[in-house]
Amino acid sequence: MTRRLQILLDEDRYQRVAAAARARRTSVATVIREAIDRGLPADDDERGTALQRILSAEPAPVPDDPAELVAELHELRSRLR
């Protein structure tokens, strides 16, 4: 670690963080670092997660007739307006 950060927490937040650290047998600092990583992921992490979700998704049903697909897309677009 190369940066030091000092923050002030109210008692409730501190107790929640401290309880999580005790339960996981780790430090308060580790719990806070992990919370930051979950709440503010690096761009690469976010892209990788999005890619994994796309690749693991079930294939969507696509009509055989292109006209049906066009009609479905028009219907969906009209709902967004």
N, C-alpha and C. Protein backbone atom coordinates (compact mmCIF):
# COMPACT_ATOMS: atom_id res chain seq x y z
N MET A 1 0.84 -1.18 0.00
CA MET A 1 0.00 0.00 0.00
C MET A 1 0.88 1.25 0.00
N THR A 2 0.47 2.25 -0.76
CA THR A 2 1.30 3.45 -0.86
C THR A 2 0.60 4.71 -0.38
N ARG A 3 -0.71 4.66 -0.18
CA ARG A 3 -1.45 5.85 0.24
C ARG A 3 -2.08 5.62 1.60
N ARG A 4 -2.01 6.63 2.42
CA ARG A 4 -2.66 6.59 3.73
C ARG A 4 -3.89 7.49 3.65
N LEU A 5 -4.98 7.01 4.22
CA LEU A 5 -6.24 7.77 4.20
C LEU A 5 -6.83 7.76 5.59
N GLN A 6 -7.23 8.91 6.05
CA GLN A 6 -7.89 8.99 7.35
C GLN A 6 -9.33 9.41 7.11
N ILE A 7 -10.27 8.65 7.67
CA ILE A 7 -11.68 9.00 7.54
C ILE A 7 -12.33 8.98 8.92
N LEU A 8 -13.41 9.72 9.02
CA LEU A 8 -14.20 9.71 10.24
C LEU A 8 -15.50 8.97 9.97
N LEU A 9 -15.86 8.06 10.87
CA LEU A 9 -17.10 7.30 10.76
C LEU A 9 -17.95 7.55 11.99
N ASP A 10 -19.26 7.55 11.81
CA ASP A 10 -20.12 7.59 12.99
C ASP A 10 -20.06 6.22 13.67
N GLU A 11 -20.54 6.14 14.87
CA GLU A 11 -20.42 4.92 15.67
C GLU A 11 -21.10 3.72 14.99
N ASP A 12 -22.27 3.93 14.42
CA ASP A 12 -22.98 2.82 13.77
C ASP A 12 -22.18 2.22 12.62
N ARG A 13 -21.64 3.07 11.76
CA ARG A 13 -20.84 2.57 10.64
C ARG A 13 -19.60 1.84 11.13
N TYR A 14 -18.94 2.43 12.13
CA TYR A 14 -17.74 1.78 12.64
C TYR A 14 -18.07 0.41 13.21
N GLN A 15 -19.15 0.31 13.96
CA GLN A 15 -19.52 -0.97 14.55
C GLN A 15 -19.83 -2.02 13.47
N ARG A 16 -20.48 -1.59 12.39
CA ARG A 16 -20.76 -2.53 11.30
C ARG A 16 -19.48 -3.02 10.64
N VAL A 17 -18.57 -2.10 10.39
CA VAL A 17 -17.30 -2.47 9.76
C VAL A 17 -16.49 -3.36 10.70
N ALA A 18 -16.43 -3.00 11.96
CA ALA A 18 -15.67 -3.79 12.93
C ALA A 18 -16.26 -5.19 13.09
N ALA A 19 -17.59 -5.28 13.11
CA ALA A 19 -18.24 -6.59 13.23
C ALA A 19 -17.94 -7.46 12.01
N ALA A 20 -17.96 -6.86 10.84
CA ALA A 20 -17.64 -7.61 9.61
C ALA A 20 -16.19 -8.09 9.66
N ALA A 21 -15.30 -7.24 10.13
CA ALA A 21 -13.88 -7.61 10.22
C ALA A 21 -13.70 -8.77 11.20
N ARG A 22 -14.36 -8.70 12.35
CA ARG A 22 -14.25 -9.80 13.33
C ARG A 22 -14.80 -11.09 12.75
N ALA A 23 -15.96 -11.01 12.10
CA ALA A 23 -16.59 -12.21 11.54
C ALA A 23 -15.72 -12.86 10.48
N ARG A 24 -15.01 -12.04 9.72
CA ARG A 24 -14.16 -12.57 8.64
C ARG A 24 -12.72 -12.76 9.09
N ARG A 25 -12.45 -12.40 10.34
CA ARG A 25 -11.10 -12.52 10.91
C ARG A 25 -10.07 -11.78 10.05
N THR A 26 -10.40 -10.53 9.79
CA THR A 26 -9.52 -9.67 9.01
C THR A 26 -9.53 -8.29 9.65
N SER A 27 -8.83 -7.37 9.05
CA SER A 27 -8.75 -6.02 9.62
C SER A 27 -9.89 -5.13 9.12
N VAL A 28 -10.13 -4.08 9.88
CA VAL A 28 -11.11 -3.06 9.46
C VAL A 28 -10.68 -2.47 8.13
N ALA A 29 -9.39 -2.22 7.97
CA ALA A 29 -8.89 -1.63 6.72
C ALA A 29 -9.19 -2.52 5.52
N THR A 30 -9.05 -3.84 5.69
CA THR A 30 -9.34 -4.77 4.59
C THR A 30 -10.81 -4.72 4.22
N VAL A 31 -11.68 -4.67 5.21
CA VAL A 31 -13.12 -4.58 4.94
C VAL A 31 -13.43 -3.31 4.16
N ILE A 32 -12.82 -2.20 4.55
CA ILE A 32 -13.07 -0.94 3.86
C ILE A 32 -12.51 -0.97 2.44
N ARG A 33 -11.30 -1.52 2.24
CA ARG A 33 -10.75 -1.62 0.89
C ARG A 33 -11.65 -2.47 -0.01
N GLU A 34 -12.13 -3.59 0.52
CA GLU A 34 -13.01 -4.45 -0.27
C GLU A 34 -14.34 -3.77 -0.59
N ALA A 35 -14.86 -3.00 0.35
CA ALA A 35 -16.10 -2.26 0.09
C ALA A 35 -15.89 -1.23 -1.02
N ILE A 36 -14.75 -0.58 -1.01
CA ILE A 36 -14.43 0.38 -2.08
C ILE A 36 -14.35 -0.34 -3.42
N ASP A 37 -13.70 -1.50 -3.45
CA ASP A 37 -13.58 -2.24 -4.70
C ASP A 37 -14.94 -2.67 -5.24
N ARG A 38 -15.85 -3.05 -4.34
CA ARG A 38 -17.19 -3.44 -4.78
C ARG A 38 -17.99 -2.23 -5.25
N GLY A 39 -17.88 -1.13 -4.54
CA GLY A 39 -18.66 0.06 -4.87
C GLY A 39 -18.12 0.88 -6.02
N LEU A 40 -16.80 0.82 -6.21
CA LEU A 40 -16.15 1.61 -7.26
C LEU A 40 -15.17 0.72 -8.02
N PRO A 41 -15.69 -0.23 -8.80
CA PRO A 41 -14.78 -1.14 -9.49
C PRO A 41 -13.93 -0.41 -10.52
N ALA A 42 -12.74 -0.94 -10.75
CA ALA A 42 -11.88 -0.41 -11.82
C ALA A 42 -12.58 -0.67 -13.15
N ASP A 43 -12.33 0.19 -14.12
CA ASP A 43 -12.99 0.04 -15.43
C ASP A 43 -12.80 -1.35 -16.01
N ASP A 44 -11.59 -1.89 -15.90
CA ASP A 44 -11.33 -3.22 -16.45
C ASP A 44 -12.16 -4.28 -15.76
N ASP A 45 -12.32 -4.17 -14.44
CA ASP A 45 -13.13 -5.13 -13.70
C ASP A 45 -14.58 -5.06 -14.14
N GLU A 46 -15.08 -3.84 -14.29
CA GLU A 46 -16.47 -3.63 -14.69
C GLU A 46 -16.70 -4.19 -16.10
N ARG A 47 -15.79 -3.94 -17.00
CA ARG A 47 -15.92 -4.46 -18.36
C ARG A 47 -15.85 -5.98 -18.38
N GLY A 48 -14.93 -6.53 -17.60
CA GLY A 48 -14.80 -7.98 -17.55
C GLY A 48 -16.05 -8.64 -17.00
N THR A 49 -16.64 -8.04 -15.96
CA THR A 49 -17.88 -8.57 -15.39
C THR A 49 -19.00 -8.49 -16.41
N ALA A 50 -19.10 -7.37 -17.10
CA ALA A 50 -20.15 -7.21 -18.11
C ALA A 50 -19.97 -8.24 -19.23
N LEU A 51 -18.74 -8.45 -19.65
CA LEU A 51 -18.47 -9.42 -20.71
C LEU A 51 -18.86 -10.82 -20.26
N GLN A 52 -18.52 -11.19 -19.04
CA GLN A 52 -18.88 -12.52 -18.53
C GLN A 52 -20.39 -12.71 -18.48
N ARG A 53 -21.12 -11.66 -18.09
CA ARG A 53 -22.59 -11.75 -18.06
C ARG A 53 -23.15 -11.95 -19.46
N ILE A 54 -22.60 -11.24 -20.42
CA ILE A 54 -23.07 -11.37 -21.80
C ILE A 54 -22.78 -12.76 -22.33
N LEU A 55 -21.55 -13.24 -22.12
CA LEU A 55 -21.16 -14.54 -22.66
C LEU A 55 -21.88 -15.70 -21.98
N SER A 56 -22.29 -15.52 -20.73
CA SER A 56 -22.95 -16.61 -20.03
C SER A 56 -24.47 -16.56 -20.15
N ALA A 57 -25.00 -15.53 -20.81
CA ALA A 57 -26.45 -15.40 -20.95
C ALA A 57 -27.00 -16.46 -21.92
N GLU A 58 -28.23 -16.86 -21.64
CA GLU A 58 -28.91 -17.79 -22.53
C GLU A 58 -29.20 -17.09 -23.86
N PRO A 59 -29.12 -17.82 -24.96
CA PRO A 59 -29.44 -17.20 -26.25
C PRO A 59 -30.90 -16.74 -26.28
N ALA A 60 -31.12 -15.58 -26.85
CA ALA A 60 -32.47 -15.04 -26.96
C ALA A 60 -33.16 -15.65 -28.17
N PRO A 61 -34.45 -15.95 -28.04
CA PRO A 61 -35.17 -16.48 -29.20
C PRO A 61 -35.30 -15.39 -30.27
N VAL A 62 -35.06 -15.77 -31.50
CA VAL A 62 -35.15 -14.84 -32.63
C VAL A 62 -36.13 -15.42 -33.64
N PRO A 63 -37.12 -14.61 -34.05
CA PRO A 63 -38.09 -15.11 -35.03
C PRO A 63 -37.41 -15.50 -36.35
N ASP A 64 -37.96 -16.50 -37.03
CA ASP A 64 -37.43 -16.93 -38.33
C ASP A 64 -37.67 -15.87 -39.40
N ASP A 65 -38.80 -15.19 -39.29
CA ASP A 65 -39.18 -14.19 -40.28
C ASP A 65 -38.63 -12.83 -39.86
N PRO A 66 -37.76 -12.23 -40.67
CA PRO A 66 -37.19 -10.91 -40.32
C PRO A 66 -38.26 -9.85 -40.07
N ALA A 67 -39.41 -9.95 -40.74
CA ALA A 67 -40.48 -8.98 -40.54
C ALA A 67 -41.01 -9.04 -39.10
N GLU A 68 -41.06 -10.25 -38.53
CA GLU A 68 -41.50 -10.40 -37.14
C GLU A 68 -40.50 -9.71 -36.20
N LEU A 69 -39.24 -9.88 -36.51
CA LEU A 69 -38.20 -9.26 -35.68
C LEU A 69 -38.30 -7.74 -35.75
N VAL A 70 -38.50 -7.20 -36.93
CA VAL A 70 -38.63 -5.75 -37.10
C VAL A 70 -39.85 -5.25 -36.33
N ALA A 71 -40.96 -5.97 -36.40
CA ALA A 71 -42.17 -5.57 -35.69
C ALA A 71 -41.94 -5.59 -34.17
N GLU A 72 -41.25 -6.62 -33.70
CA GLU A 72 -40.94 -6.71 -32.27
C GLU A 72 -40.05 -5.56 -31.82
N LEU A 73 -39.05 -5.23 -32.61
CA LEU A 73 -38.17 -4.10 -32.27
C LEU A 73 -38.92 -2.78 -32.25
N HIS A 74 -39.82 -2.57 -33.21
CA HIS A 74 -40.62 -1.34 -33.22
C HIS A 74 -41.50 -1.26 -31.98
N GLU A 75 -42.08 -2.39 -31.58
CA GLU A 75 -42.92 -2.41 -30.38
C GLU A 75 -42.11 -2.07 -29.14
N LEU A 76 -40.94 -2.66 -29.01
CA LEU A 76 -40.09 -2.37 -27.87
C LEU A 76 -39.66 -0.92 -27.84
N ARG A 77 -39.29 -0.38 -28.98
CA ARG A 77 -38.88 1.03 -29.04
C ARG A 77 -40.01 1.97 -28.67
N SER A 78 -41.25 1.63 -29.08
CA SER A 78 -42.39 2.50 -28.77
C SER A 78 -42.65 2.51 -27.27
N ARG A 79 -42.34 1.42 -26.56
CA ARG A 79 -42.52 1.37 -25.11
C ARG A 79 -41.53 2.29 -24.39
N LEU A 80 -40.37 2.50 -24.98
CA LEU A 80 -39.34 3.31 -24.35
C LEU A 80 -39.62 4.81 -24.46
N ARG A 81 -40.48 5.17 -25.35
CA ARG A 81 -40.75 6.62 -25.57
C ARG A 81 -41.73 7.15 -24.61
